[in-house]
């Protein structure tokens, strides 16, 4: 039995467990701290209440340490480890898959694994580039993580930055297995047929002509993701280009009012604020857009909206702080990479990338680039790690 420790059901991880069970026949149970993400919760960064509109629980066994209907935890910050000991005793794991280390539930799982000698498979958002640290903090972090990784039987790296992180800390090659970060395409309509009618329909509804260039920001309107930098960059473009551009903000958050005001200041930028949209509503906006822009400044360990965009054939322009950049963004082919926190660099990347839009060959390249970062590949990595551990 593989026992997985997760704080709550997550839309890009649950499909991996479904495939792990159905296609790879791995016996597993996921122990969740709470079910708040499937019954509805208030997201602090989005500033709105929602529940995922896709099935996150069927196809594999799961157990909840707390449930909202019984007075259980209603946010990530309040989840605790009470009941984990009993849950582990019931599942009798042959190995533990732990998916992070920054939450107390994950730390409790590491403690139980070391105490009860469960082999540990670790798959988390590991990277060195996402946040700048002082020398003292960096050394302390390295020391703690090195100690932690030495106690793991297998370390699953999600991409190139993740692998480099493990190697820098002296992890052995035989510990490392590729299990990419990915999204399930099942809620989406990614193909060219869907593009033809969704693009036309959505542009008409938004009052956007086919000749206009649409830039899409998808995510929380928060300071760490820098949606304001996108507007600054557009304002730096020549009037001939700027007047052709419409910016779609797909998401919500604390910066919305400021962004609206800034877009109306001279020189003005045509903007559409679409609010939070659930998974099954996203395809129409990816097909409507000509370029995805992800200008994050820090703590963007991966950037799954880039996966979503590329599956739809949409090139992505990302900052150097975005973790998936070396894996998914091939400058001049699947998008571009610009200097973090530089509106000028982003503006220049947008201008360069105009040569990528309206091109079927580029859309094919985007889909090809992301094809190795699939749910099946992620499950395959976990299955390989589990098989080797129990052997």
Protein backbone atom coordinates (compact mmCIF):
# COMPACT_ATOMS: atom_id res chain seq x y z
CA UNK A 1 0.00 0.00 0.00
CA UNK A 2 1.24 3.46 -0.95
CA UNK A 3 -0.07 6.09 1.45
CA UNK A 4 -0.06 9.68 0.20
CA UNK A 5 -0.11 12.67 2.54
CA UNK A 6 -1.87 15.78 1.22
CA UNK A 7 -3.27 18.83 3.01
CA UNK A 8 -6.41 18.90 0.81
CA UNK A 9 -7.63 17.73 -2.63
CA UNK A 10 -5.81 19.73 -5.31
CA UNK A 11 -7.00 19.95 -8.91
CA UNK A 12 -3.62 19.15 -10.47
CA UNK A 13 -2.64 16.33 -8.11
CA UNK A 14 -5.81 14.26 -7.70
CA UNK A 15 -5.84 13.23 -11.41
CA UNK A 16 -2.35 11.78 -10.93
CA UNK A 17 -3.65 9.54 -8.14
CA UNK A 18 -6.61 8.50 -10.29
CA UNK A 19 -4.25 7.41 -13.09
CA UNK A 20 -1.84 5.82 -10.61
CA UNK A 21 -4.65 3.56 -9.43
CA UNK A 22 -6.45 2.87 -12.71
CA UNK A 23 -3.57 2.54 -15.19
CA UNK A 24 -0.62 1.50 -13.02
CA UNK A 25 -2.59 -0.63 -10.52
CA UNK A 26 -0.78 0.87 -7.54
CA UNK A 27 -2.72 0.26 -4.32
CA UNK A 28 -2.95 3.64 -2.64
CA UNK A 29 -4.82 5.71 -0.11
CA UNK A 30 -4.54 9.48 0.09
CA UNK A 31 -4.79 10.92 3.59
CA UNK A 32 -6.13 14.48 3.34
CA UNK A 33 -6.05 16.99 6.16
CA UNK A 34 -9.40 18.48 5.12
CA UNK A 35 -12.00 18.45 2.34
CA UNK A 36 -12.50 22.23 2.22
CA UNK A 37 -11.40 22.52 -1.43
CA UNK A 38 -14.18 20.24 -2.68
CA UNK A 39 -17.00 21.65 -0.55
CA UNK A 40 -16.12 25.32 -1.04
CA UNK A 41 -13.81 27.79 0.68
CA UNK A 42 -12.66 31.39 0.74
CA UNK A 43 -9.36 31.80 -1.06
CA UNK A 44 -7.39 34.67 0.44
CA UNK A 45 -5.43 35.62 -2.70
CA UNK A 46 -8.35 35.23 -5.11
CA UNK A 47 -10.57 37.06 -2.64
CA UNK A 48 -13.53 34.86 -3.50
CA UNK A 49 -15.25 31.68 -2.37
CA UNK A 50 -15.31 28.69 -4.71
CA UNK A 51 -15.08 24.93 -5.02
CA UNK A 52 -13.39 23.06 -7.88
CA UNK A 53 -15.90 21.95 -10.51
CA UNK A 54 -14.11 18.70 -11.40
CA UNK A 55 -14.14 15.32 -9.68
CA UNK A 56 -11.13 15.07 -7.36
CA UNK A 57 -12.06 12.04 -5.26
CA UNK A 58 -13.20 9.15 -7.45
CA UNK A 59 -10.95 6.38 -8.72
CA UNK A 60 -8.78 5.96 -5.63
CA UNK A 61 -9.16 5.49 -1.88
CA UNK A 62 -9.05 8.57 0.37
CA UNK A 63 -9.36 9.40 4.04
CA UNK A 64 -9.99 12.80 5.64
CA UNK A 65 -8.57 13.79 9.00
CA UNK A 66 -11.28 16.44 9.21
CA UNK A 67 -14.37 17.37 7.18
CA UNK A 68 -16.06 20.73 7.00
CA UNK A 69 -19.54 19.28 7.60
CA UNK A 70 -18.30 17.94 10.95
CA UNK A 71 -16.71 21.21 11.98
CA UNK A 72 -13.40 20.41 10.33
CA UNK A 73 -10.74 22.74 9.02
CA UNK A 74 -11.85 25.27 6.39
CA UNK A 75 -8.50 26.60 5.17
CA UNK A 76 -4.95 25.46 4.50
CA UNK A 77 -3.61 27.48 7.42
CA UNK A 78 -5.83 25.76 9.99
CA UNK A 79 -5.21 22.14 8.98
CA UNK A 80 -3.51 20.10 11.70
CA UNK A 81 -2.14 16.61 12.09
CA UNK A 82 -4.58 15.27 14.67
CA UNK A 83 -5.72 11.79 13.66
CA UNK A 84 -2.72 11.08 11.42
CA UNK A 85 -1.35 8.36 13.72
CA UNK A 86 -4.63 6.42 13.61
CA UNK A 87 -5.00 6.88 9.86
CA UNK A 88 -1.51 5.50 9.23
CA UNK A 89 -2.17 2.53 11.46
CA UNK A 90 -5.28 1.73 9.41
CA UNK A 91 -3.66 2.04 5.99
CA UNK A 92 -0.52 0.05 6.95
CA UNK A 93 1.69 1.75 4.35
CA UNK A 94 4.58 0.03 2.62
CA UNK A 95 5.77 3.51 1.66
CA UNK A 96 4.74 7.10 2.32
CA UNK A 97 4.48 9.65 -0.48
CA UNK A 98 4.88 13.10 1.08
CA UNK A 99 4.16 16.11 -1.13
CA UNK A 100 5.75 19.00 0.77
CA UNK A 101 7.67 20.04 3.85
CA UNK A 102 6.45 23.54 4.76
CA UNK A 103 3.17 22.50 6.40
CA UNK A 104 2.88 20.94 9.83
CA UNK A 105 0.94 17.99 8.41
CA UNK A 106 3.90 17.15 6.17
CA UNK A 107 6.35 17.57 9.05
CA UNK A 108 4.23 15.21 11.14
CA UNK A 109 4.28 12.70 8.27
CA UNK A 110 8.10 12.86 8.15
CA UNK A 111 8.20 12.27 11.91
CA UNK A 112 5.94 9.21 11.67
CA UNK A 113 7.91 7.82 8.73
CA UNK A 114 11.22 8.11 10.59
CA UNK A 115 9.80 6.74 13.82
CA UNK A 116 7.94 3.80 12.27
CA UNK A 117 10.50 3.20 9.50
CA UNK A 118 8.18 3.79 6.54
CA UNK A 119 10.17 4.34 3.33
CA UNK A 120 9.67 7.94 2.18
CA UNK A 121 8.98 9.00 -1.39
CA UNK A 122 9.12 12.77 -1.65
CA UNK A 123 7.49 14.84 -4.41
CA UNK A 124 7.24 18.54 -3.75
CA UNK A 125 7.77 21.96 -5.25
CA UNK A 126 11.54 21.97 -4.81
CA UNK A 127 13.68 24.75 -6.26
CA UNK A 128 16.39 27.22 -5.33
CA UNK A 129 15.36 30.09 -7.60
CA UNK A 130 11.87 31.04 -6.37
CA UNK A 131 12.88 33.20 -3.40
CA UNK A 132 16.00 35.13 -2.41
CA UNK A 133 17.34 34.36 1.07
CA UNK A 134 20.04 35.76 3.30
CA UNK A 135 23.25 33.74 3.57
CA UNK A 136 22.35 32.52 7.07
CA UNK A 137 18.82 31.47 6.06
CA UNK A 138 20.13 29.77 2.93
CA UNK A 139 22.70 27.75 4.88
CA UNK A 140 20.15 26.76 7.51
CA UNK A 141 17.66 25.72 4.81
CA UNK A 142 20.33 23.66 3.03
CA UNK A 143 21.28 21.90 6.24
CA UNK A 144 17.68 20.99 7.13
CA UNK A 145 16.79 19.84 3.61
CA UNK A 146 19.97 17.80 3.20
CA UNK A 147 19.17 16.00 6.45
CA UNK A 148 15.57 15.45 5.25
CA UNK A 149 16.49 14.18 1.79
CA UNK A 150 18.99 11.68 3.17
CA UNK A 151 16.07 10.00 4.91
CA UNK A 152 14.06 9.65 1.69
CA UNK A 153 14.22 6.46 -0.34
CA UNK A 154 13.20 8.28 -3.54
CA UNK A 155 13.08 11.94 -4.56
CA UNK A 156 10.74 12.83 -7.41
CA UNK A 157 11.82 15.90 -9.32
CA UNK A 158 9.12 17.87 -11.10
CA UNK A 159 11.37 19.66 -13.61
CA UNK A 160 14.88 20.92 -14.31
CA UNK A 161 15.05 23.39 -11.41
CA UNK A 162 13.84 20.68 -9.06
CA UNK A 163 16.47 18.19 -10.23
CA UNK A 164 19.24 20.80 -9.91
CA UNK A 165 18.11 21.53 -6.36
CA UNK A 166 18.40 17.87 -5.34
CA UNK A 167 21.77 17.48 -7.06
CA UNK A 168 23.18 20.63 -5.45
CA UNK A 169 22.35 19.22 -2.03
CA UNK A 170 24.23 15.98 -2.75
CA UNK A 171 21.30 13.64 -3.38
CA UNK A 172 22.25 10.38 -5.06
CA UNK A 173 21.34 9.68 -8.66
CA UNK A 174 19.60 6.47 -7.68
CA UNK A 175 17.25 8.50 -5.47
CA UNK A 176 16.07 10.72 -8.33
CA UNK A 177 13.09 9.91 -10.57
CA UNK A 178 11.26 12.25 -12.95
CA UNK A 179 7.60 12.87 -12.06
CA UNK A 180 6.70 16.11 -13.83
CA UNK A 181 4.36 18.82 -12.67
CA UNK A 182 1.30 18.59 -14.86
CA UNK A 183 -2.36 19.36 -15.32
CA UNK A 184 -5.17 17.11 -16.44
CA UNK A 185 -6.60 18.16 -19.79
CA UNK A 186 -9.92 16.37 -19.18
CA UNK A 187 -11.81 19.57 -18.19
CA UNK A 188 -10.50 21.38 -21.28
CA UNK A 189 -11.18 21.56 -25.02
CA UNK A 190 -7.66 21.93 -26.37
CA UNK A 191 -7.90 21.02 -30.04
CA UNK A 192 -8.10 23.17 -33.16
CA UNK A 193 -11.79 22.48 -33.71
CA UNK A 194 -12.60 23.87 -30.26
CA UNK A 195 -10.30 26.81 -30.91
CA UNK A 196 -12.13 27.83 -34.07
CA UNK A 197 -15.55 28.23 -32.45
CA UNK A 198 -14.59 29.17 -28.87
CA UNK A 199 -12.23 31.92 -30.05
CA UNK A 200 -14.79 33.51 -32.34
CA UNK A 201 -17.66 33.21 -29.85
CA UNK A 202 -15.72 34.57 -26.87
CA UNK A 203 -14.19 37.47 -28.80
CA UNK A 204 -17.63 38.48 -30.01
CA UNK A 205 -19.00 38.35 -26.46
CA UNK A 206 -16.15 40.53 -25.20
CA UNK A 207 -16.32 42.95 -28.11
CA UNK A 208 -12.82 42.03 -29.31
CA UNK A 209 -12.16 41.89 -33.05
CA UNK A 210 -10.14 39.12 -34.67
CA UNK A 211 -7.49 41.69 -35.63
CA UNK A 212 -6.80 42.66 -32.01
CA UNK A 213 -3.89 41.12 -30.14
CA UNK A 214 -5.07 39.55 -26.87
CA UNK A 215 -2.68 39.13 -23.95
CA UNK A 216 -3.92 36.85 -21.17
CA UNK A 217 -2.97 36.98 -17.49
CA UNK A 218 -4.37 33.95 -15.64
CA UNK A 219 -3.97 33.77 -11.87
CA UNK A 220 -4.41 35.60 -8.62
CA UNK A 221 -4.20 39.39 -8.82
CA UNK A 222 -1.55 39.54 -6.10
CA UNK A 223 1.71 41.43 -5.73
CA UNK A 224 3.90 38.33 -6.09
CA UNK A 225 2.45 37.59 -9.55
CA UNK A 226 2.93 41.20 -10.76
CA UNK A 227 -0.09 41.72 -13.04
CA UNK A 228 0.73 45.43 -12.80
CA UNK A 229 4.00 44.77 -14.64
CA UNK A 230 2.02 43.56 -17.63
CA UNK A 231 0.17 46.87 -17.88
CA UNK A 232 3.43 48.80 -17.44
CA UNK A 233 4.98 46.80 -20.29
CA UNK A 234 2.03 47.38 -22.63
CA UNK A 235 2.22 51.12 -21.95
CA UNK A 236 5.86 51.04 -23.11
CA UNK A 237 4.92 49.62 -26.51
CA UNK A 238 4.67 51.88 -29.50
CA UNK A 239 1.22 53.41 -30.06
CA UNK A 240 0.84 51.39 -33.26
CA UNK A 241 1.12 48.13 -31.29
CA UNK A 242 -0.44 49.26 -28.01
CA UNK A 243 -3.71 50.35 -29.60
CA UNK A 244 -4.14 46.89 -31.11
CA UNK A 245 -3.80 45.13 -27.74
CA UNK A 246 -6.49 43.96 -25.31
CA UNK A 247 -5.47 42.49 -21.96
CA UNK A 248 -7.60 39.82 -20.27
CA UNK A 249 -7.22 39.38 -16.52
CA UNK A 250 -8.52 35.93 -15.66
CA UNK A 251 -8.66 35.86 -11.87
CA UNK A 252 -9.37 38.06 -8.90
CA UNK A 253 -7.53 39.52 -5.95
CA UNK A 254 -6.51 42.55 -3.95
CA UNK A 255 -4.90 44.41 -6.88
CA UNK A 256 -7.99 44.52 -9.08
CA UNK A 257 -9.07 48.09 -8.31
CA UNK A 258 -5.56 49.45 -8.71
CA UNK A 259 -5.16 47.66 -12.04
CA UNK A 260 -8.45 49.06 -13.31
CA UNK A 261 -7.40 52.59 -12.39
CA UNK A 262 -3.93 52.19 -13.89
CA UNK A 263 -5.30 50.82 -17.17
CA UNK A 264 -7.43 53.98 -17.54
CA UNK A 265 -4.52 56.37 -16.96
CA UNK A 266 -2.67 57.72 -19.98
CA UNK A 267 -1.66 55.98 -22.15
CA UNK A 268 -4.76 53.84 -21.72
CA UNK A 269 -4.79 50.06 -22.14
CA UNK A 270 -7.88 48.11 -23.19
CA UNK A 271 -8.58 45.61 -20.40
CA UNK A 272 -11.21 43.04 -19.48
CA UNK A 273 -11.47 41.76 -15.90
CA UNK A 274 -13.14 38.36 -16.06
CA UNK A 275 -12.92 37.34 -12.40
CA UNK A 276 -12.26 33.81 -11.20
CA UNK A 277 -13.21 31.12 -13.70
CA UNK A 278 -13.37 27.45 -12.80
CA UNK A 279 -11.58 24.69 -14.69
CA UNK A 280 -14.30 23.85 -17.20
CA UNK A 281 -14.59 27.51 -18.27
CA UNK A 282 -10.92 28.13 -19.05
CA UNK A 283 -10.56 26.80 -22.60
CA UNK A 284 -12.53 29.62 -24.19
CA UNK A 285 -10.12 32.21 -22.79
CA UNK A 286 -6.94 30.31 -23.69
CA UNK A 287 -8.22 30.02 -27.25
CA UNK A 288 -9.28 33.68 -27.30
CA UNK A 289 -5.78 34.84 -26.35
CA UNK A 290 -2.71 35.20 -28.56
CA UNK A 291 -0.10 35.14 -25.77
CA UNK A 292 -0.11 34.13 -22.11
CA UNK A 293 1.86 36.46 -19.80
CA UNK A 294 3.13 35.26 -16.41
CA UNK A 295 5.23 38.07 -14.87
CA UNK A 296 5.68 36.60 -11.36
CA UNK A 297 8.37 38.15 -9.18
CA UNK A 298 8.86 35.40 -6.57
CA UNK A 299 7.46 32.13 -5.16
CA UNK A 300 6.41 30.84 -8.59
CA UNK A 301 8.00 27.42 -8.13
CA UNK A 302 6.37 26.13 -11.32
CA UNK A 303 3.50 28.03 -12.98
CA UNK A 304 0.85 25.52 -14.05
CA UNK A 305 -1.01 28.11 -16.12
CA UNK A 306 1.85 27.70 -18.60
CA UNK A 307 1.00 23.98 -18.91
CA UNK A 308 -2.63 24.92 -19.49
CA UNK A 309 -1.72 27.49 -22.12
CA UNK A 310 0.63 25.24 -24.07
CA UNK A 311 -1.91 22.40 -24.15
CA UNK A 312 -4.19 24.90 -25.94
CA UNK A 313 -1.41 25.84 -28.37
CA UNK A 314 -0.94 29.24 -26.71
CA UNK A 315 2.66 30.55 -26.43
CA UNK A 316 3.72 31.84 -23.01
CA UNK A 317 5.91 34.77 -21.99
CA UNK A 318 7.26 34.24 -18.47
CA UNK A 319 9.67 35.94 -16.09
CA UNK A 320 12.96 34.32 -15.11
CA UNK A 321 11.37 33.68 -11.68
CA UNK A 322 8.87 31.18 -13.13
CA UNK A 323 10.01 27.65 -12.32
CA UNK A 324 8.80 25.92 -15.48
CA UNK A 325 10.67 28.30 -17.80
CA UNK A 326 13.61 25.96 -18.66
CA UNK A 327 11.22 23.02 -19.14
CA UNK A 328 8.39 24.50 -21.16
CA UNK A 329 9.38 27.86 -22.66
CA UNK A 330 11.59 27.66 -25.72
CA UNK A 331 12.22 31.32 -26.67
CA UNK A 332 11.06 32.09 -30.17
CA UNK A 333 9.08 28.85 -30.38
CA UNK A 334 6.76 28.31 -27.39
CA UNK A 335 7.07 31.82 -26.01
CA UNK A 336 9.77 33.94 -24.40
CA UNK A 337 11.53 34.59 -21.10
CA UNK A 338 12.13 38.11 -19.76
CA UNK A 339 14.10 39.67 -16.93
CA UNK A 340 12.18 39.51 -13.65
CA UNK A 341 10.71 42.84 -12.44
CA UNK A 342 11.57 44.62 -15.71
CA UNK A 343 8.68 46.19 -17.59
CA UNK A 344 11.04 47.10 -20.43
CA UNK A 345 12.26 43.50 -20.79
CA UNK A 346 8.66 42.25 -20.79
CA UNK A 347 7.67 44.87 -23.35
CA UNK A 348 10.49 43.76 -25.64
CA UNK A 349 9.50 40.08 -25.19
CA UNK A 350 5.90 40.89 -26.17
CA UNK A 351 7.08 42.68 -29.29
CA UNK A 352 9.37 39.77 -30.24
CA UNK A 353 6.60 37.24 -29.68
CA UNK A 354 4.14 38.89 -32.04
CA UNK A 355 5.78 36.78 -34.73
CA UNK A 356 4.41 33.64 -32.99
CA UNK A 357 0.70 34.49 -33.12
CA UNK A 358 -1.82 33.17 -35.67
CA UNK A 359 0.53 30.30 -36.56
CA UNK A 360 -0.63 26.69 -36.66
CA UNK A 361 2.97 25.40 -36.59
CA UNK A 362 3.65 27.30 -33.36
CA UNK A 363 0.51 25.91 -31.76
CA UNK A 364 1.70 22.39 -32.64
CA UNK A 365 5.12 23.14 -31.13
CA UNK A 366 3.46 24.34 -27.91
CA UNK A 367 1.44 21.15 -27.56
CA UNK A 368 4.48 19.02 -28.34
CA UNK A 369 6.62 20.83 -25.74
CA UNK A 370 4.16 20.16 -22.92
CA UNK A 371 3.34 16.59 -23.95
CA UNK A 372 6.12 15.10 -21.77
CA UNK A 373 4.64 16.89 -18.74
CA UNK A 374 1.49 14.84 -18.54
CA UNK A 375 -0.56 13.19 -15.81
CA UNK A 376 0.47 9.77 -17.13
CA UNK A 377 4.18 10.68 -16.96
CA UNK A 378 3.76 11.98 -13.41
CA UNK A 379 1.98 8.80 -12.32
CA UNK A 380 4.61 6.70 -14.10
CA UNK A 381 7.36 8.32 -12.01
CA UNK A 382 5.51 7.66 -8.76
CA UNK A 383 4.79 4.06 -9.78
CA UNK A 384 8.44 3.49 -10.60
CA UNK A 385 9.55 4.91 -7.25
CA UNK A 386 7.03 2.80 -5.32
CA UNK A 387 7.92 -0.39 -7.19
CA UNK A 388 11.62 0.10 -6.55
CA UNK A 389 11.05 0.90 -2.87
CA UNK A 390 8.95 -2.14 -2.06
CA UNK A 391 11.28 -4.36 -4.05
